[in-house]
Amino acid sequence: MIKILNIFAFLVLIHTTNGQQPNAEYLELKKILLESNTELIVEYHSDCIGSAFITLGEVGDCEYENPFYLFWIKEDKYYKRKFTNCGIFKVNEMAKSDFLESVKENLKLIEKSEILPVIHKSKKTLEGGVAEETIIETELSHYCESKFSFHTKSDKIEKSIIDYYLDTKMIDENTPNDNYELNEKSILNTIFKLIEKETE
């Protein structure tokens, strides 16, 4: 017999998602890169779901926006460009990109990998020798999700990473997240940490 417990953590929240879309400049550069036989293109942005509502007047008209990024490799050179509706950012040629190098070397592994949910399984034997397995899975009503699209000359791979899945080592003080170590070792966690450094 299997008993499944779903635990949801809620906060009093109003705004559900920033709902941002890439702007026209982003779409135009992406189109040019895709049509120009670029070796590798990576699209990246982060959406926060269930974040508390803040009016733009409280933080400035653009400060609260999450930017979109394009990273790419062309003719053995590394590039990135940031996009927001707040200002214009130029193409930045990088001498080196640990993020792009890691993606390029691990595309097949990235394609197979997933960040796993927060879960814990336990078993106990009941009277009469009946085994009962309990599965605890937790979700949050608020989290941030990083979204990646990897374009090569012949393929496109899409991945998303939910920060709560990566950050949660313990469900409570006595209940470990069975997937924590697996997520820590995942190539998706590696590239997530690398892109965080390159978008600071």
Protein backbone atom coordinates (compact mmCIF):
# COMPACT_ATOMS: atom_id res chain seq x y z
CA MET A 1 0.00 0.00 0.00
CA ILE A 2 1.30 3.44 -0.94
CA LYS A 3 0.30 6.59 0.93
CA ILE A 4 1.08 9.89 -0.79
CA LEU A 5 1.24 13.13 1.15
CA ASN A 6 1.41 16.39 -0.79
CA ILE A 7 2.47 19.37 1.28
CA PHE A 8 1.92 22.87 -0.03
CA ALA A 9 3.45 25.93 1.60
CA PHE A 10 1.48 29.14 1.09
CA LEU A 11 2.17 32.77 1.78
CA VAL A 12 -0.23 35.67 1.40
CA LEU A 13 0.67 36.70 -2.11
CA ILE A 14 -1.00 38.77 -4.77
CA HIS A 15 1.04 38.97 -7.93
CA THR A 16 1.50 35.59 -9.66
CA THR A 17 4.13 36.18 -12.34
CA ASN A 18 5.91 39.09 -13.93
CA GLY A 19 4.60 37.92 -17.34
CA GLN A 20 7.42 39.60 -19.20
CA GLN A 21 8.03 38.93 -22.87
CA PRO A 22 11.25 39.41 -24.83
CA ASN A 23 11.34 42.76 -26.60
CA ALA A 24 11.66 43.43 -30.35
CA GLU A 25 15.46 43.90 -30.21
CA TYR A 26 15.85 40.51 -28.54
CA LEU A 27 13.68 38.78 -31.14
CA GLU A 28 15.52 40.45 -34.01
CA LEU A 29 18.98 39.47 -32.76
CA LYS A 30 17.79 35.92 -32.06
CA LYS A 31 16.46 35.67 -35.63
CA ILE A 32 19.76 36.95 -37.08
CA LEU A 33 21.79 34.49 -35.00
CA LEU A 34 19.56 31.54 -35.94
CA GLU A 35 19.76 32.40 -39.63
CA SER A 36 23.53 32.98 -39.63
CA ASN A 37 24.53 29.41 -38.77
CA THR A 38 25.75 30.33 -35.27
CA GLU A 39 27.42 27.38 -33.53
CA LEU A 40 25.55 27.69 -30.22
CA ILE A 41 22.89 30.08 -28.94
CA VAL A 42 21.49 30.08 -25.40
CA GLU A 43 18.38 31.98 -24.35
CA TYR A 44 18.00 32.58 -20.62
CA HIS A 45 15.58 34.35 -18.30
CA SER A 46 14.00 33.83 -14.90
CA ASP A 47 10.35 34.14 -13.85
CA CYS A 48 9.26 34.36 -10.24
CA ILE A 49 5.84 32.86 -9.56
CA GLY A 50 3.76 34.09 -6.64
CA SER A 51 6.03 37.01 -5.79
CA ALA A 52 4.51 39.70 -3.61
CA PHE A 53 3.05 42.58 -5.58
CA ILE A 54 5.10 45.78 -5.60
CA THR A 55 3.99 48.81 -7.57
CA LEU A 56 6.56 50.14 -10.03
CA GLY A 57 6.42 53.54 -8.36
CA GLU A 58 7.88 52.02 -5.20
CA VAL A 59 11.03 50.70 -6.86
CA GLY A 60 11.46 52.79 -10.00
CA ASP A 61 9.93 52.07 -13.40
CA CYS A 62 12.43 49.45 -14.45
CA GLU A 63 14.26 48.19 -11.40
CA TYR A 64 11.77 45.37 -10.80
CA GLU A 65 12.11 43.77 -14.24
CA ASN A 66 13.91 40.46 -14.77
CA PRO A 67 16.12 40.70 -17.85
CA PHE A 68 16.40 38.34 -20.80
CA TYR A 69 19.80 37.21 -22.05
CA LEU A 70 21.25 35.82 -25.26
CA PHE A 71 24.60 34.01 -25.13
CA TRP A 72 26.29 32.64 -28.23
CA ILE A 73 29.45 31.20 -29.77
CA LYS A 74 30.43 32.24 -33.27
CA GLU A 75 33.78 31.67 -34.97
CA ASP A 76 35.24 30.51 -31.65
CA LYS A 77 34.32 33.76 -29.90
CA TYR A 78 31.97 34.16 -26.94
CA TYR A 79 29.23 36.79 -26.77
CA LYS A 80 26.36 37.85 -24.55
CA ARG A 81 23.74 40.56 -24.56
CA LYS A 82 21.27 41.63 -21.91
CA PHE A 83 17.78 42.88 -22.75
CA THR A 84 15.25 44.82 -20.67
CA ASN A 85 12.56 47.35 -21.44
CA CYS A 86 14.51 49.81 -19.29
CA GLY A 87 17.54 50.48 -21.44
CA ILE A 88 19.72 49.37 -24.33
CA PHE A 89 22.66 47.07 -23.63
CA LYS A 90 25.40 46.43 -26.17
CA VAL A 91 26.78 43.08 -27.29
CA ASN A 92 29.56 42.06 -24.93
CA GLU A 93 32.37 39.95 -26.40
CA MET A 94 33.92 37.82 -23.66
CA ALA A 95 37.50 36.59 -23.58
CA LYS A 96 36.16 33.42 -21.94
CA SER A 97 32.80 32.00 -20.88
CA ASP A 98 32.80 29.08 -18.45
CA PHE A 99 29.03 28.87 -18.93
CA LEU A 100 29.16 28.53 -22.73
CA GLU A 101 32.11 26.16 -22.61
CA SER A 102 30.29 23.91 -20.13
CA VAL A 103 27.13 23.91 -22.25
CA LYS A 104 29.05 23.14 -25.44
CA GLU A 105 30.85 20.20 -23.84
CA ASN A 106 27.76 18.72 -22.16
CA LEU A 107 24.84 19.16 -24.57
CA LYS A 108 23.94 15.46 -24.66
CA LEU A 109 24.00 15.26 -20.87
CA ILE A 110 21.95 18.46 -20.57
CA GLU A 111 19.33 17.01 -22.89
CA LYS A 112 18.87 13.94 -20.63
CA SER A 113 18.97 15.79 -17.31
CA GLU A 114 16.15 17.12 -15.14
CA ILE A 115 16.06 18.83 -11.76
CA LEU A 116 13.95 16.52 -9.58
CA PRO A 117 11.17 17.59 -7.19
CA VAL A 118 11.38 17.75 -3.40
CA ILE A 119 10.33 14.29 -2.21
CA HIS A 120 10.89 11.75 0.57
CA LYS A 121 9.99 8.06 0.58
CA SER A 122 9.77 5.86 3.67
CA LYS A 123 8.57 2.30 4.37
CA LYS A 124 7.17 0.60 7.44
CA THR A 125 5.58 -2.77 8.11
CA LEU A 126 2.04 -2.74 9.49
CA GLU A 127 0.25 -5.43 11.48
CA GLY A 128 -0.11 -8.61 9.50
CA GLY A 129 3.13 -7.97 7.65
CA VAL A 130 1.62 -5.49 5.20
CA ALA A 131 4.23 -3.04 3.92
CA GLU A 132 3.26 0.61 3.66
CA GLU A 133 5.27 3.11 1.65
CA THR A 134 4.77 6.79 2.39
CA ILE A 135 5.74 9.37 -0.20
CA ILE A 136 5.97 13.00 0.87
CA GLU A 137 6.25 15.58 -1.91
CA THR A 138 6.32 19.32 -1.24
CA GLU A 139 5.56 22.27 -3.47
CA LEU A 140 5.60 26.01 -2.90
CA SER A 141 3.10 28.57 -4.08
CA HIS A 142 6.03 30.94 -4.67
CA TYR A 143 9.30 30.11 -6.45
CA CYS A 144 11.62 31.29 -9.21
CA GLU A 145 12.04 29.29 -12.40
CA SER A 146 15.04 29.75 -14.68
CA LYS A 147 14.32 28.91 -18.31
CA PHE A 148 16.91 27.93 -20.90
CA SER A 149 16.70 27.28 -24.64
CA PHE A 150 19.83 25.82 -26.23
CA HIS A 151 20.08 26.12 -30.02
CA THR A 152 22.68 24.29 -32.07
CA LYS A 153 22.85 24.14 -35.87
CA SER A 154 20.65 21.05 -35.84
CA ASP A 155 18.74 20.95 -32.56
CA LYS A 156 16.91 22.85 -29.81
CA ILE A 157 16.82 21.80 -26.14
CA GLU A 158 14.62 23.46 -23.53
CA LYS A 159 15.16 23.15 -19.77
CA SER A 160 13.81 24.80 -16.66
CA ILE A 161 15.22 24.92 -13.14
CA ILE A 162 13.08 25.68 -10.08
CA ASP A 163 15.16 27.20 -7.31
CA TYR A 164 13.14 25.51 -4.54
CA TYR A 165 14.07 22.07 -5.90
CA LEU A 166 17.77 22.97 -5.84
CA ASP A 167 17.84 24.74 -2.48
CA THR A 168 15.80 22.36 -0.33
CA LYS A 169 17.96 19.89 1.57
CA MET A 170 15.40 19.10 4.30
CA ILE A 171 11.60 19.05 4.09
CA ASP A 172 11.56 19.56 7.85
CA GLU A 173 14.14 19.00 10.59
CA ASN A 174 13.67 15.21 10.44
CA THR A 175 12.78 14.61 6.79
CA PRO A 176 15.44 14.83 4.07
CA ASN A 177 14.78 15.66 0.43
CA ASP A 178 15.75 12.40 -1.31
CA ASN A 179 16.62 14.28 -4.51
CA TYR A 180 18.88 16.94 -2.99
CA GLU A 181 22.21 15.22 -3.68
CA LEU A 182 21.14 14.16 -7.18
CA ASN A 183 20.16 17.74 -8.00
CA GLU A 184 23.42 19.07 -6.56
CA LYS A 185 25.42 16.79 -8.89
CA SER A 186 23.31 17.53 -11.97
CA ILE A 187 24.86 19.28 -14.98
CA LEU A 188 21.83 21.59 -14.86
CA ASN A 189 22.89 22.80 -11.41
CA THR A 190 26.41 23.36 -12.75
CA ILE A 191 25.27 25.53 -15.64
CA PHE A 192 22.78 27.33 -13.38
CA LYS A 193 25.59 28.38 -11.03
CA LEU A 194 27.79 29.40 -13.96
CA ILE A 195 25.14 31.58 -15.59
CA GLU A 196 24.42 33.23 -12.25
CA LYS A 197 28.07 34.38 -12.19
CA GLU A 198 27.93 35.62 -15.79
CA THR A 199 24.73 37.64 -15.25
CA GLU A 200 25.61 39.29 -11.93
